[in-house]
């Protein structure tokens, strides 16, 4: 008898909507894998408020274990939610290009008054706090990109390698079980075949694939 695969919940980042995961979800559906999205107010909401909403959304889902995949600021939101609520029944978590350990580009933009408002409230709140204390029982994997194409190119002094928005160093969550770097940009993570393959491999095994995976 075939065992049902865990449900995968996607969490988007700044300025986005759950629809950005359409390509990944279409591929997953073709593999017989079920997924959902959590859409949240990345500009008008607060970090803790969004974390509470995510926890409530997870509690309302009737599938356990449940895997989590967060892109960019969505990954930071997932970490904050895990630290605040310690939800049960979480399988594994993958963070895609998430600025877990700071954001050089974000900090620079925050110092430009005419641009500051474009970042909303959640990212500044994340950057102003110490890293959340996520309980050690959660298995977290991190994917970073090293193709520097994106808005970050207009920010002078950005460390390399980076994905055009977030540096590889900024993605290195201290509690991560594994870390992978792919030749993709920050936005390509939303449709890259290699990114999905690596994500699924970690969700299924707790480790990323080693060796070449075509982007």
N, C-alpha and C. Protein backbone atom coordinates (compact mmCIF):
# COMPACT_ATOMS: atom_id res chain seq x y z
N UNK A 1 0.84 -1.19 0.00
CA UNK A 1 0.00 0.00 0.00
C UNK A 1 0.88 1.25 0.00
N UNK A 2 0.61 2.18 -0.94
CA UNK A 2 1.43 3.37 -1.07
C UNK A 2 1.10 4.37 0.04
N UNK A 3 2.16 4.88 0.67
CA UNK A 3 1.98 5.86 1.74
C UNK A 3 1.76 7.24 1.15
N UNK A 4 0.78 7.97 1.68
CA UNK A 4 0.49 9.32 1.20
C UNK A 4 1.62 10.26 1.57
N UNK A 5 2.09 11.02 0.58
CA UNK A 5 3.17 11.98 0.82
C UNK A 5 2.65 13.17 1.62
N UNK A 6 3.49 13.76 2.46
CA UNK A 6 3.05 14.92 3.24
C UNK A 6 2.65 16.10 2.34
N UNK A 7 1.70 16.86 2.80
CA UNK A 7 1.30 18.09 2.12
C UNK A 7 2.43 19.11 2.23
N UNK A 8 2.61 19.91 1.17
CA UNK A 8 3.64 20.95 1.15
C UNK A 8 2.96 22.31 1.16
N UNK A 9 3.33 23.16 2.10
CA UNK A 9 2.76 24.50 2.20
C UNK A 9 3.82 25.53 1.81
N UNK A 10 3.53 26.31 0.78
CA UNK A 10 4.44 27.36 0.30
C UNK A 10 4.09 28.70 0.95
N UNK A 11 5.14 29.46 1.29
CA UNK A 11 4.97 30.79 1.89
C UNK A 11 5.80 31.78 1.08
N UNK A 12 5.15 32.77 0.48
CA UNK A 12 5.83 33.72 -0.40
C UNK A 12 6.54 34.82 0.38
N UNK A 13 7.30 35.62 -0.36
CA UNK A 13 8.06 36.70 0.25
C UNK A 13 7.48 38.08 0.01
N UNK A 14 8.33 39.08 0.16
CA UNK A 14 7.94 40.48 0.05
C UNK A 14 7.39 40.81 -1.33
N UNK A 15 6.30 41.57 -1.35
CA UNK A 15 5.65 42.07 -2.57
C UNK A 15 4.96 40.96 -3.38
N UNK A 16 4.92 39.76 -2.87
CA UNK A 16 4.43 38.63 -3.66
C UNK A 16 3.05 38.16 -3.20
N UNK A 17 2.57 37.14 -3.90
CA UNK A 17 1.30 36.47 -3.61
C UNK A 17 1.54 34.98 -3.79
N UNK A 18 0.70 34.16 -3.20
CA UNK A 18 0.87 32.72 -3.32
C UNK A 18 0.89 32.21 -4.75
N UNK A 19 0.34 33.00 -5.68
CA UNK A 19 0.31 32.59 -7.09
C UNK A 19 1.70 32.45 -7.70
N UNK A 20 2.72 33.04 -7.08
CA UNK A 20 4.06 32.96 -7.65
C UNK A 20 4.61 31.54 -7.63
N UNK A 21 3.99 30.65 -6.88
CA UNK A 21 4.45 29.26 -6.82
C UNK A 21 3.74 28.37 -7.84
N UNK A 22 3.05 28.97 -8.81
CA UNK A 22 2.25 28.20 -9.76
C UNK A 22 3.08 27.16 -10.51
N UNK A 23 4.28 27.52 -10.95
CA UNK A 23 5.11 26.58 -11.71
C UNK A 23 5.50 25.38 -10.86
N UNK A 24 5.95 25.63 -9.64
CA UNK A 24 6.32 24.53 -8.75
C UNK A 24 5.11 23.65 -8.44
N UNK A 25 3.99 24.27 -8.19
CA UNK A 25 2.80 23.50 -7.82
C UNK A 25 2.29 22.67 -9.00
N UNK A 26 2.42 23.20 -10.20
CA UNK A 26 2.02 22.44 -11.39
C UNK A 26 2.91 21.20 -11.55
N UNK A 27 4.20 21.36 -11.38
CA UNK A 27 5.11 20.22 -11.47
C UNK A 27 4.82 19.20 -10.36
N UNK A 28 4.58 19.70 -9.17
CA UNK A 28 4.27 18.80 -8.05
C UNK A 28 3.00 18.01 -8.32
N UNK A 29 2.00 18.68 -8.86
CA UNK A 29 0.74 17.99 -9.16
C UNK A 29 0.98 16.87 -10.16
N UNK A 30 1.85 17.12 -11.15
CA UNK A 30 2.17 16.09 -12.13
C UNK A 30 2.89 14.90 -11.52
N UNK A 31 3.53 15.11 -10.38
CA UNK A 31 4.20 14.02 -9.66
C UNK A 31 3.28 13.35 -8.65
N UNK A 32 2.06 13.84 -8.55
CA UNK A 32 1.14 13.30 -7.56
C UNK A 32 1.35 13.86 -6.17
N UNK A 33 2.03 15.01 -6.09
CA UNK A 33 2.29 15.65 -4.79
C UNK A 33 1.32 16.81 -4.60
N UNK A 34 0.75 16.90 -3.41
CA UNK A 34 -0.24 17.92 -3.11
C UNK A 34 0.42 19.11 -2.40
N UNK A 35 -0.01 20.31 -2.75
CA UNK A 35 0.55 21.51 -2.13
C UNK A 35 -0.53 22.56 -1.90
N UNK A 36 -0.22 23.48 -1.01
CA UNK A 36 -1.08 24.62 -0.72
C UNK A 36 -0.19 25.86 -0.64
N UNK A 37 -0.82 27.03 -0.63
CA UNK A 37 -0.06 28.27 -0.46
C UNK A 37 -0.66 29.08 0.70
N UNK A 38 0.19 29.83 1.36
CA UNK A 38 -0.25 30.76 2.39
C UNK A 38 0.08 32.16 1.91
N UNK A 39 -0.94 32.95 1.62
CA UNK A 39 -0.75 34.34 1.19
C UNK A 39 -0.92 35.27 2.38
N UNK A 40 -0.03 36.22 2.50
CA UNK A 40 -0.03 37.11 3.66
C UNK A 40 0.33 38.52 3.24
N UNK A 41 0.07 39.50 4.12
CA UNK A 41 0.30 40.91 3.83
C UNK A 41 1.74 41.28 4.19
N UNK A 42 2.62 41.18 3.21
CA UNK A 42 4.04 41.40 3.47
C UNK A 42 4.40 42.87 3.62
N UNK A 43 3.53 43.77 3.17
CA UNK A 43 3.80 45.20 3.29
C UNK A 43 3.10 45.84 4.48
N UNK A 44 1.82 45.54 4.65
CA UNK A 44 1.02 46.23 5.67
C UNK A 44 1.00 45.52 7.02
N UNK A 45 1.29 44.22 7.02
CA UNK A 45 1.22 43.47 8.27
C UNK A 45 2.47 43.61 9.11
N UNK A 46 2.47 42.92 10.24
CA UNK A 46 3.64 42.89 11.12
C UNK A 46 4.22 41.48 11.13
N UNK A 47 5.47 41.36 11.54
CA UNK A 47 6.14 40.07 11.56
C UNK A 47 5.43 39.09 12.49
N UNK A 48 5.14 39.51 13.71
CA UNK A 48 4.49 38.61 14.66
C UNK A 48 3.04 38.33 14.26
N UNK A 49 2.36 39.35 13.74
CA UNK A 49 0.98 39.14 13.31
C UNK A 49 0.89 38.14 12.18
N UNK A 50 1.81 38.24 11.22
CA UNK A 50 1.83 37.29 10.11
C UNK A 50 2.19 35.89 10.60
N UNK A 51 3.12 35.80 11.56
CA UNK A 51 3.48 34.50 12.13
C UNK A 51 2.29 33.86 12.82
N UNK A 52 1.51 34.66 13.52
CA UNK A 52 0.33 34.13 14.20
C UNK A 52 -0.70 33.64 13.18
N UNK A 53 -0.86 34.38 12.08
CA UNK A 53 -1.79 33.97 11.03
C UNK A 53 -1.33 32.68 10.37
N UNK A 54 -0.03 32.56 10.15
CA UNK A 54 0.51 31.33 9.56
C UNK A 54 0.28 30.15 10.49
N UNK A 55 0.52 30.34 11.76
CA UNK A 55 0.30 29.26 12.73
C UNK A 55 -1.16 28.83 12.75
N UNK A 56 -2.08 29.80 12.68
CA UNK A 56 -3.50 29.47 12.66
C UNK A 56 -3.87 28.74 11.38
N UNK A 57 -3.27 29.15 10.26
CA UNK A 57 -3.51 28.48 8.98
C UNK A 57 -3.06 27.03 9.04
N UNK A 58 -1.89 26.81 9.61
CA UNK A 58 -1.36 25.45 9.75
C UNK A 58 -2.25 24.61 10.65
N UNK A 59 -2.69 25.20 11.75
CA UNK A 59 -3.55 24.47 12.69
C UNK A 59 -4.86 24.04 12.03
N UNK A 60 -5.33 24.83 11.06
CA UNK A 60 -6.60 24.53 10.39
C UNK A 60 -6.46 23.44 9.33
N UNK A 61 -5.24 23.17 8.89
CA UNK A 61 -5.02 22.11 7.90
C UNK A 61 -5.09 20.76 8.60
N UNK A 62 -5.71 19.80 7.95
CA UNK A 62 -5.92 18.49 8.59
C UNK A 62 -4.91 17.45 8.15
N UNK A 63 -3.75 17.89 7.66
CA UNK A 63 -2.73 16.95 7.18
C UNK A 63 -1.46 17.07 8.02
N UNK A 64 -1.01 15.94 8.52
CA UNK A 64 0.25 15.87 9.24
C UNK A 64 0.95 14.56 8.85
N UNK A 65 2.27 14.56 8.66
CA UNK A 65 3.13 15.74 8.80
C UNK A 65 2.92 16.74 7.66
N UNK A 66 3.35 17.95 7.89
CA UNK A 66 3.22 19.03 6.93
C UNK A 66 4.59 19.63 6.66
N UNK A 67 4.97 19.68 5.38
CA UNK A 67 6.24 20.31 5.01
C UNK A 67 6.02 21.80 4.73
N UNK A 68 7.04 22.61 5.02
CA UNK A 68 6.97 24.05 4.78
C UNK A 68 8.08 24.49 3.83
N UNK A 69 7.74 25.37 2.89
CA UNK A 69 8.72 25.93 1.96
C UNK A 69 8.50 27.44 1.91
N UNK A 70 9.50 28.21 2.32
CA UNK A 70 9.37 29.66 2.33
C UNK A 70 10.39 30.31 1.41
N UNK A 71 9.93 31.20 0.55
CA UNK A 71 10.84 31.93 -0.35
C UNK A 71 11.13 33.31 0.22
N UNK A 72 12.40 33.68 0.24
CA UNK A 72 12.83 35.01 0.64
C UNK A 72 12.32 35.37 2.04
N UNK A 73 11.61 36.48 2.17
CA UNK A 73 11.11 36.89 3.48
C UNK A 73 10.10 35.89 4.03
N UNK A 74 9.47 35.11 3.14
CA UNK A 74 8.56 34.07 3.61
C UNK A 74 9.27 33.03 4.45
N UNK A 75 10.53 32.75 4.13
CA UNK A 75 11.30 31.83 4.96
C UNK A 75 11.57 32.39 6.34
N UNK A 76 11.84 33.70 6.41
CA UNK A 76 12.03 34.35 7.72
C UNK A 76 10.75 34.30 8.53
N UNK A 77 9.62 34.48 7.85
CA UNK A 77 8.33 34.38 8.53
C UNK A 77 8.13 32.99 9.10
N UNK A 78 8.49 31.97 8.33
CA UNK A 78 8.37 30.59 8.82
C UNK A 78 9.22 30.39 10.08
N UNK A 79 10.45 30.89 10.06
CA UNK A 79 11.32 30.75 11.23
C UNK A 79 10.71 31.44 12.45
N UNK A 80 10.17 32.63 12.25
CA UNK A 80 9.56 33.35 13.37
C UNK A 80 8.35 32.60 13.90
N UNK A 81 7.56 32.02 13.00
CA UNK A 81 6.39 31.24 13.42
C UNK A 81 6.81 30.01 14.22
N UNK A 82 7.84 29.30 13.75
CA UNK A 82 8.31 28.12 14.48
C UNK A 82 8.78 28.50 15.88
N UNK A 83 9.46 29.64 15.99
CA UNK A 83 9.97 30.08 17.29
C UNK A 83 8.85 30.52 18.22
N UNK A 84 7.81 31.15 17.68
CA UNK A 84 6.72 31.67 18.51
C UNK A 84 5.73 30.60 18.93
N UNK A 85 5.46 29.64 18.03
CA UNK A 85 4.33 28.73 18.26
C UNK A 85 4.71 27.26 18.46
N UNK A 86 5.91 26.85 18.04
CA UNK A 86 6.35 25.47 18.20
C UNK A 86 5.27 24.48 17.71
N UNK A 87 4.77 24.64 16.49
CA UNK A 87 3.68 23.76 16.03
C UNK A 87 4.11 22.30 15.95
N UNK A 88 3.19 21.41 16.25
CA UNK A 88 3.45 19.98 16.14
C UNK A 88 3.12 19.49 14.73
N UNK A 89 3.73 18.38 14.37
CA UNK A 89 3.40 17.76 13.09
C UNK A 89 4.07 18.36 11.89
N UNK A 90 5.09 19.20 12.10
CA UNK A 90 5.83 19.76 10.97
C UNK A 90 6.88 18.74 10.53
N UNK A 91 6.88 18.43 9.24
CA UNK A 91 7.84 17.47 8.71
C UNK A 91 9.21 18.12 8.58
N UNK A 92 9.48 18.68 7.39
CA UNK A 92 10.74 19.39 7.16
C UNK A 92 10.43 20.75 6.54
N UNK A 93 11.42 21.64 6.62
CA UNK A 93 11.26 23.01 6.13
C UNK A 93 12.42 23.36 5.21
N UNK A 94 12.11 24.00 4.08
CA UNK A 94 13.14 24.49 3.16
C UNK A 94 12.97 26.00 3.00
N UNK A 95 14.07 26.71 3.15
CA UNK A 95 14.11 28.16 2.96
C UNK A 95 14.80 28.44 1.63
N UNK A 96 14.15 29.20 0.76
CA UNK A 96 14.68 29.51 -0.57
C UNK A 96 15.13 30.97 -0.61
N UNK A 97 16.42 31.21 -0.63
CA UNK A 97 16.93 32.57 -0.73
C UNK A 97 16.48 33.48 0.39
N UNK A 98 16.32 32.96 1.57
CA UNK A 98 15.83 33.76 2.69
C UNK A 98 16.97 34.49 3.40
N UNK A 99 16.81 35.80 3.64
CA UNK A 99 17.86 36.56 4.33
C UNK A 99 17.84 36.31 5.83
N UNK A 100 18.12 35.08 6.21
CA UNK A 100 18.02 34.66 7.61
C UNK A 100 18.92 35.48 8.52
N UNK A 101 20.10 35.78 8.03
CA UNK A 101 21.12 36.41 8.89
C UNK A 101 21.40 37.84 8.48
N UNK A 102 20.38 38.55 8.03
CA UNK A 102 20.54 39.95 7.66
C UNK A 102 20.35 40.18 6.18
N UNK A 103 20.25 41.43 5.80
CA UNK A 103 20.06 41.80 4.39
C UNK A 103 20.80 43.10 4.12
N UNK A 104 21.94 42.99 3.47
CA UNK A 104 22.72 44.18 3.11
C UNK A 104 21.89 45.10 2.22
N UNK A 105 21.23 44.51 1.20
CA UNK A 105 20.41 45.31 0.29
C UNK A 105 19.27 45.98 1.04
N UNK A 106 18.61 45.23 1.91
CA UNK A 106 17.51 45.79 2.68
C UNK A 106 17.95 46.93 3.58
N UNK A 107 19.08 46.76 4.25
CA UNK A 107 19.59 47.81 5.14
C UNK A 107 19.92 49.07 4.37
N UNK A 108 20.51 48.91 3.18
CA UNK A 108 20.85 50.08 2.38
C UNK A 108 19.60 50.82 1.93
N UNK A 109 18.58 50.07 1.51
CA UNK A 109 17.33 50.69 1.06
C UNK A 109 16.64 51.41 2.21
N UNK A 110 16.72 50.84 3.40
CA UNK A 110 16.09 51.47 4.57
C UNK A 110 16.69 52.84 4.89
N UNK A 111 17.91 53.08 4.43
CA UNK A 111 18.56 54.36 4.69
C UNK A 111 18.27 55.40 3.61
N UNK A 112 17.41 55.03 2.65
CA UNK A 112 16.99 55.98 1.60
C UNK A 112 15.53 56.33 1.88
N UNK A 113 15.26 57.52 2.40
CA UNK A 113 13.90 57.86 2.83
C UNK A 113 12.81 57.62 1.80
N UNK A 114 13.08 57.92 0.52
CA UNK A 114 12.04 57.78 -0.50
C UNK A 114 11.76 56.33 -0.85
N UNK A 115 12.66 55.43 -0.46
CA UNK A 115 12.48 54.00 -0.77
C UNK A 115 12.08 53.18 0.44
N UNK A 116 12.27 53.72 1.63
CA UNK A 116 12.08 52.96 2.86
C UNK A 116 10.69 52.33 2.94
N UNK A 117 9.67 53.07 2.56
CA UNK A 117 8.30 52.56 2.67
C UNK A 117 8.03 51.36 1.79
N UNK A 118 8.82 51.19 0.73
CA UNK A 118 8.60 50.07 -0.18
C UNK A 118 8.90 48.72 0.47
N UNK A 119 9.61 48.73 1.59
CA UNK A 119 9.95 47.48 2.27
C UNK A 119 8.90 47.06 3.29
N UNK A 120 7.89 47.92 3.50
CA UNK A 120 6.85 47.56 4.45
C UNK A 120 7.36 47.52 5.88
N UNK A 121 6.71 46.72 6.72
CA UNK A 121 7.06 46.64 8.15
C UNK A 121 7.78 45.35 8.53
N UNK A 122 7.48 44.28 7.81
CA UNK A 122 7.97 42.97 8.24
C UNK A 122 9.49 42.85 8.12
N UNK A 123 10.05 43.22 6.97
CA UNK A 123 11.50 43.10 6.81
C UNK A 123 12.26 43.97 7.80
N UNK A 124 11.90 45.25 7.99
CA UNK A 124 12.60 46.04 9.01
C UNK A 124 12.50 45.43 10.41
N UNK A 125 11.35 44.86 10.73
CA UNK A 125 11.20 44.22 12.05
C UNK A 125 12.11 43.00 12.17
N UNK A 126 12.21 42.22 11.10
CA UNK A 126 13.10 41.06 11.11
C UNK A 126 14.55 41.50 11.31
N UNK A 127 14.97 42.54 10.57
CA UNK A 127 16.36 42.98 10.63
C UNK A 127 16.71 43.61 11.98
N UNK A 128 15.73 44.17 12.66
CA UNK A 128 15.99 44.85 13.93
C UNK A 128 16.09 43.91 15.12
N UNK A 129 15.73 42.64 14.93
CA UNK A 129 15.70 41.70 16.05
C UNK A 129 16.86 40.71 16.01
N UNK A 130 17.18 40.12 17.15
CA UNK A 130 18.10 38.97 17.13
C UNK A 130 17.43 37.79 16.45
N UNK A 131 18.21 36.83 16.04
CA UNK A 131 17.64 35.66 15.38
C UNK A 131 16.67 34.95 16.31
N UNK A 132 15.52 34.51 15.80
CA UNK A 132 14.56 33.81 16.65
C UNK A 132 15.10 32.47 17.11
N UNK A 133 14.69 32.04 18.28
CA UNK A 133 15.14 30.77 18.84
C UNK A 133 14.20 29.65 18.40
N UNK A 134 14.54 29.04 17.28
CA UNK A 134 13.74 27.93 16.75
C UNK A 134 14.14 26.65 17.49
N UNK A 135 13.19 25.92 18.04
CA UNK A 135 13.52 24.67 18.74
C UNK A 135 14.32 23.72 17.84
N UNK A 136 15.26 22.98 18.40
CA UNK A 136 16.15 22.14 17.59
C UNK A 136 15.47 20.97 16.90
N UNK A 137 14.26 20.63 17.25
CA UNK A 137 13.61 19.48 16.64
C UNK A 137 13.16 19.67 15.20
N UNK A 138 13.17 20.90 14.70
CA UNK A 138 12.72 21.16 13.33
C UNK A 138 13.89 20.99 12.36
N UNK A 139 13.68 20.21 11.30
CA UNK A 139 14.72 19.98 10.29
C UNK A 139 14.58 21.04 9.21
N UNK A 140 15.62 21.86 9.08
CA UNK A 140 15.58 22.99 8.16
C UNK A 140 16.71 22.89 7.15
N UNK A 141 16.37 23.04 5.87
CA UNK A 141 17.34 23.08 4.80
C UNK A 141 17.27 24.43 4.10
N UNK A 142 18.41 24.89 3.59
CA UNK A 142 18.48 26.22 2.98
C UNK A 142 19.04 26.11 1.57
N UNK A 143 18.36 26.77 0.63
CA UNK A 143 18.84 26.88 -0.75
C UNK A 143 19.20 28.34 -1.01
N UNK A 144 20.40 28.57 -1.53
CA UNK A 144 20.84 29.91 -1.90
C UNK A 144 21.14 29.93 -3.40
N UNK A 145 21.09 31.11 -3.99
CA UNK A 145 21.45 31.28 -5.39
C UNK A 145 22.72 32.09 -5.52
N UNK A 146 23.48 31.84 -6.60
CA UNK A 146 24.72 32.60 -6.80
C UNK A 146 24.79 33.29 -8.16
N UNK A 147 23.61 33.49 -8.78
CA UNK A 147 23.56 34.21 -10.05
C UNK A 147 23.12 35.64 -9.76
N UNK A 148 24.03 36.62 -9.81
CA UNK A 148 23.74 37.97 -9.31
C UNK A 148 22.99 38.86 -10.29
N UNK A 149 21.75 38.51 -10.56
CA UNK A 149 20.90 39.32 -11.44
C UNK A 149 19.65 39.71 -10.65
N UNK A 150 19.43 41.02 -10.50
CA UNK A 150 18.27 41.47 -9.74
C UNK A 150 18.47 42.88 -9.23
N UNK A 151 17.54 43.34 -8.43
CA UNK A 151 17.57 44.71 -7.94
C UNK A 151 18.80 44.99 -7.10
N UNK A 152 19.37 43.95 -6.51
CA UNK A 152 20.55 44.15 -5.70
C UNK A 152 21.75 44.67 -6.47
N UNK A 153 21.69 44.59 -7.80
CA UNK A 153 22.82 45.07 -8.60
C UNK A 153 22.98 46.58 -8.51
N UNK A 154 21.89 47.27 -8.14
CA UNK A 154 21.99 48.73 -8.02
C UNK A 154 22.46 49.14 -6.62
N UNK A 155 22.66 48.16 -5.75
CA UNK A 155 23.13 48.44 -4.39
C UNK A 155 24.64 48.23 -4.36
N UNK A 156 25.42 49.30 -4.28
CA UNK A 156 26.88 49.15 -4.30
C UNK A 156 27.41 48.45 -3.05
N UNK A 157 28.45 47.65 -3.26
CA UNK A 157 29.11 47.01 -2.14
C UNK A 157 28.53 45.69 -1.70
N UNK A 158 27.58 45.15 -2.46
CA UNK A 158 26.95 43.89 -2.07
C UNK A 158 27.94 42.73 -2.22
N UNK A 159 28.07 41.96 -1.17
CA UNK A 159 29.03 40.85 -1.14
C UNK A 159 28.67 39.79 -2.17
N UNK A 160 29.68 39.16 -2.72
CA UNK A 160 29.50 38.02 -3.62
C UNK A 160 29.99 36.76 -2.92
N UNK A 161 29.38 35.61 -3.28
CA UNK A 161 28.30 35.41 -4.24
C UNK A 161 26.95 35.84 -3.68
N UNK A 162 26.05 36.20 -4.62
CA UNK A 162 24.69 36.55 -4.25
C UNK A 162 23.74 36.20 -5.38
N UNK A 163 22.45 36.27 -5.10
CA UNK A 163 21.44 35.91 -6.10
C UNK A 163 20.79 37.13 -6.74
N UNK A 164 21.41 38.29 -6.55
CA UNK A 164 20.85 39.53 -7.06
C UNK A 164 20.05 40.28 -6.02
N UNK A 165 19.73 39.64 -4.92
CA UNK A 165 18.99 40.27 -3.83
C UNK A 165 19.56 39.92 -2.46
N UNK A 166 19.96 38.67 -2.31
CA UNK A 166 20.42 38.14 -1.02
C UNK A 166 21.77 37.46 -1.22
N UNK A 167 22.72 37.72 -0.33
CA UNK A 167 24.01 37.06 -0.45
C UNK A 167 23.92 35.63 0.09
N UNK A 168 24.82 34.79 -0.39
CA UNK A 168 24.85 33.41 0.10
C UNK A 168 25.10 33.39 1.60
N UNK A 169 25.99 34.26 2.07
CA UNK A 169 26.29 34.31 3.51
C UNK A 169 25.05 34.64 4.33
N UNK A 170 24.18 35.49 3.80
CA UNK A 170 22.98 35.90 4.53
C UNK A 170 21.96 34.77 4.67
N UNK A 171 22.09 33.74 3.85
CA UNK A 171 21.14 32.62 3.91
C UNK A 171 21.55 31.54 4.90
N UNK A 172 22.73 31.64 5.48
CA UNK A 172 23.26 30.54 6.30
C UNK A 172 22.66 30.53 7.71
N UNK A 173 21.47 29.97 7.80
CA UNK A 173 20.79 29.84 9.08
C UNK A 173 21.60 28.92 10.00
N UNK A 174 21.93 29.36 11.22
CA UNK A 174 22.79 28.56 12.10
C UNK A 174 22.24 27.18 12.43
N UNK A 175 20.94 27.02 12.45
CA UNK A 175 20.35 25.74 12.81
C UNK A 175 20.02 24.85 11.64
N UNK A 176 20.50 25.22 10.44
CA UNK A 176 20.16 24.43 9.25
C UNK A 176 20.83 23.07 9.27
N UNK A 177 20.11 22.07 8.81
CA UNK A 177 20.66 20.72 8.71
C UNK A 177 21.51 20.58 7.45
N UNK A 178 21.16 21.31 6.39
CA UNK A 178 21.92 21.23 5.15
C UNK A 178 21.75 22.55 4.39
N UNK A 179 22.69 22.81 3.48
CA UNK A 179 22.71 24.06 2.72
C UNK A 179 23.16 23.75 1.30
N UNK A 180 22.46 24.30 0.30
CA UNK A 180 22.83 24.07 -1.09
C UNK A 180 22.86 25.40 -1.83
N UNK A 181 23.82 25.54 -2.75
CA UNK A 181 23.93 26.75 -3.57
C UNK A 181 23.70 26.37 -5.02
N UNK A 182 22.76 27.05 -5.68
CA UNK A 182 22.40 26.75 -7.06
C UNK A 182 22.68 27.94 -7.96
N UNK A 183 22.93 27.70 -9.27
CA UNK A 183 23.18 28.81 -10.21
C UNK A 183 21.88 29.46 -10.66
N UNK A 184 21.17 30.08 -9.74
CA UNK A 184 19.89 30.72 -10.04
C UNK A 184 19.86 32.10 -9.39
N UNK A 185 18.96 32.95 -9.90
CA UNK A 185 18.73 34.25 -9.29
C UNK A 185 17.69 34.11 -8.18
N UNK A 186 17.47 35.22 -7.49
CA UNK A 186 16.49 35.22 -6.40
C UNK A 186 15.10 34.85 -6.92
N UNK A 187 14.71 35.41 -8.04
CA UNK A 187 13.38 35.15 -8.57
C UNK A 187 13.28 33.80 -9.27
N UNK A 188 14.37 33.33 -9.88
CA UNK A 188 14.34 32.04 -10.56
C UNK A 188 14.02 30.89 -9.62
N UNK A 189 14.25 31.08 -8.34
CA UNK A 189 13.92 30.03 -7.38
C UNK A 189 12.44 29.69 -7.40
N UNK A 190 11.62 30.61 -7.90
CA UNK A 190 10.18 30.39 -7.93
C UNK A 190 9.73 29.48 -9.06
N UNK A 191 10.60 29.22 -10.03
CA UNK A 191 10.22 28.32 -11.12
C UNK A 191 11.33 27.37 -11.55
N UNK A 192 12.51 27.49 -10.98
CA UNK A 192 13.64 26.64 -11.36
C UNK A 192 13.37 25.16 -11.08
N UNK A 193 13.58 24.35 -12.09
CA UNK A 193 13.41 22.90 -11.94
C UNK A 193 14.41 22.35 -10.93
N UNK A 194 15.65 22.82 -11.01
CA UNK A 194 16.67 22.35 -10.07
C UNK A 194 16.32 22.70 -8.64
N UNK A 195 15.75 23.88 -8.47
CA UNK A 195 15.37 24.32 -7.13
C UNK A 195 14.28 23.41 -6.57
N UNK A 196 13.31 23.05 -7.40
CA UNK A 196 12.25 22.17 -6.93
C UNK A 196 12.78 20.77 -6.63
N UNK A 197 13.67 20.27 -7.49
CA UNK A 197 14.25 18.94 -7.26
C UNK A 197 15.00 18.91 -5.93
N UNK A 198 15.81 19.94 -5.69
CA UNK A 198 16.55 19.99 -4.43
C UNK A 198 15.61 20.13 -3.24
N UNK A 199 14.59 20.95 -3.39
CA UNK A 199 13.62 21.12 -2.31
C UNK A 199 12.95 19.80 -1.96
N UNK A 200 12.49 19.09 -2.98
CA UNK A 200 11.82 17.81 -2.74
C UNK A 200 12.76 16.79 -2.12
N UNK A 201 14.01 16.79 -2.57
CA UNK A 201 14.97 15.83 -2.03
C UNK A 201 15.19 16.06 -0.55
N UNK A 202 15.27 17.34 -0.15
CA UNK A 202 15.43 17.60 1.28
C UNK A 202 14.17 17.24 2.04
N UNK A 203 13.01 17.60 1.50
CA UNK A 203 11.76 17.28 2.19
C UNK A 203 11.60 15.78 2.38
N UNK A 204 12.06 15.01 1.41
CA UNK A 204 11.90 13.56 1.48
C UNK A 204 12.99 12.85 2.28
N UNK A 205 14.21 13.42 2.28
CA UNK A 205 15.34 12.70 2.88
C UNK A 205 16.05 13.45 4.00
N UNK A 206 15.86 14.76 4.08
CA UNK A 206 16.59 15.54 5.07
C UNK A 206 17.95 16.00 4.61
N UNK A 207 18.27 15.77 3.32
CA UNK A 207 19.54 16.20 2.75
C UNK A 207 19.31 16.68 1.32
N UNK A 208 20.20 17.57 0.84
CA UNK A 208 20.15 18.00 -0.55
C UNK A 208 20.99 17.06 -1.40
N UNK A 209 20.69 17.03 -2.69
CA UNK A 209 21.46 16.24 -3.64
C UNK A 209 22.84 16.87 -3.82
N UNK A 210 23.84 16.04 -4.00
CA UNK A 210 25.17 16.51 -4.34
C UNK A 210 25.44 16.19 -5.80
N UNK A 211 26.14 17.10 -6.49
CA UNK A 211 26.36 16.89 -7.91
C UNK A 211 25.48 17.81 -8.73
N UNK A 212 25.60 17.72 -10.04
CA UNK A 212 24.90 18.64 -10.92
C UNK A 212 23.42 18.35 -11.06
N UNK A 213 22.62 19.40 -10.96
CA UNK A 213 21.20 19.33 -11.25
C UNK A 213 20.90 20.50 -12.18
N UNK A 214 20.39 20.21 -13.37
CA UNK A 214 20.16 21.27 -14.35
C UNK A 214 19.12 22.26 -13.84
N UNK A 215 19.49 23.56 -13.90
CA UNK A 215 18.59 24.61 -13.42
C UNK A 215 17.41 24.81 -14.35
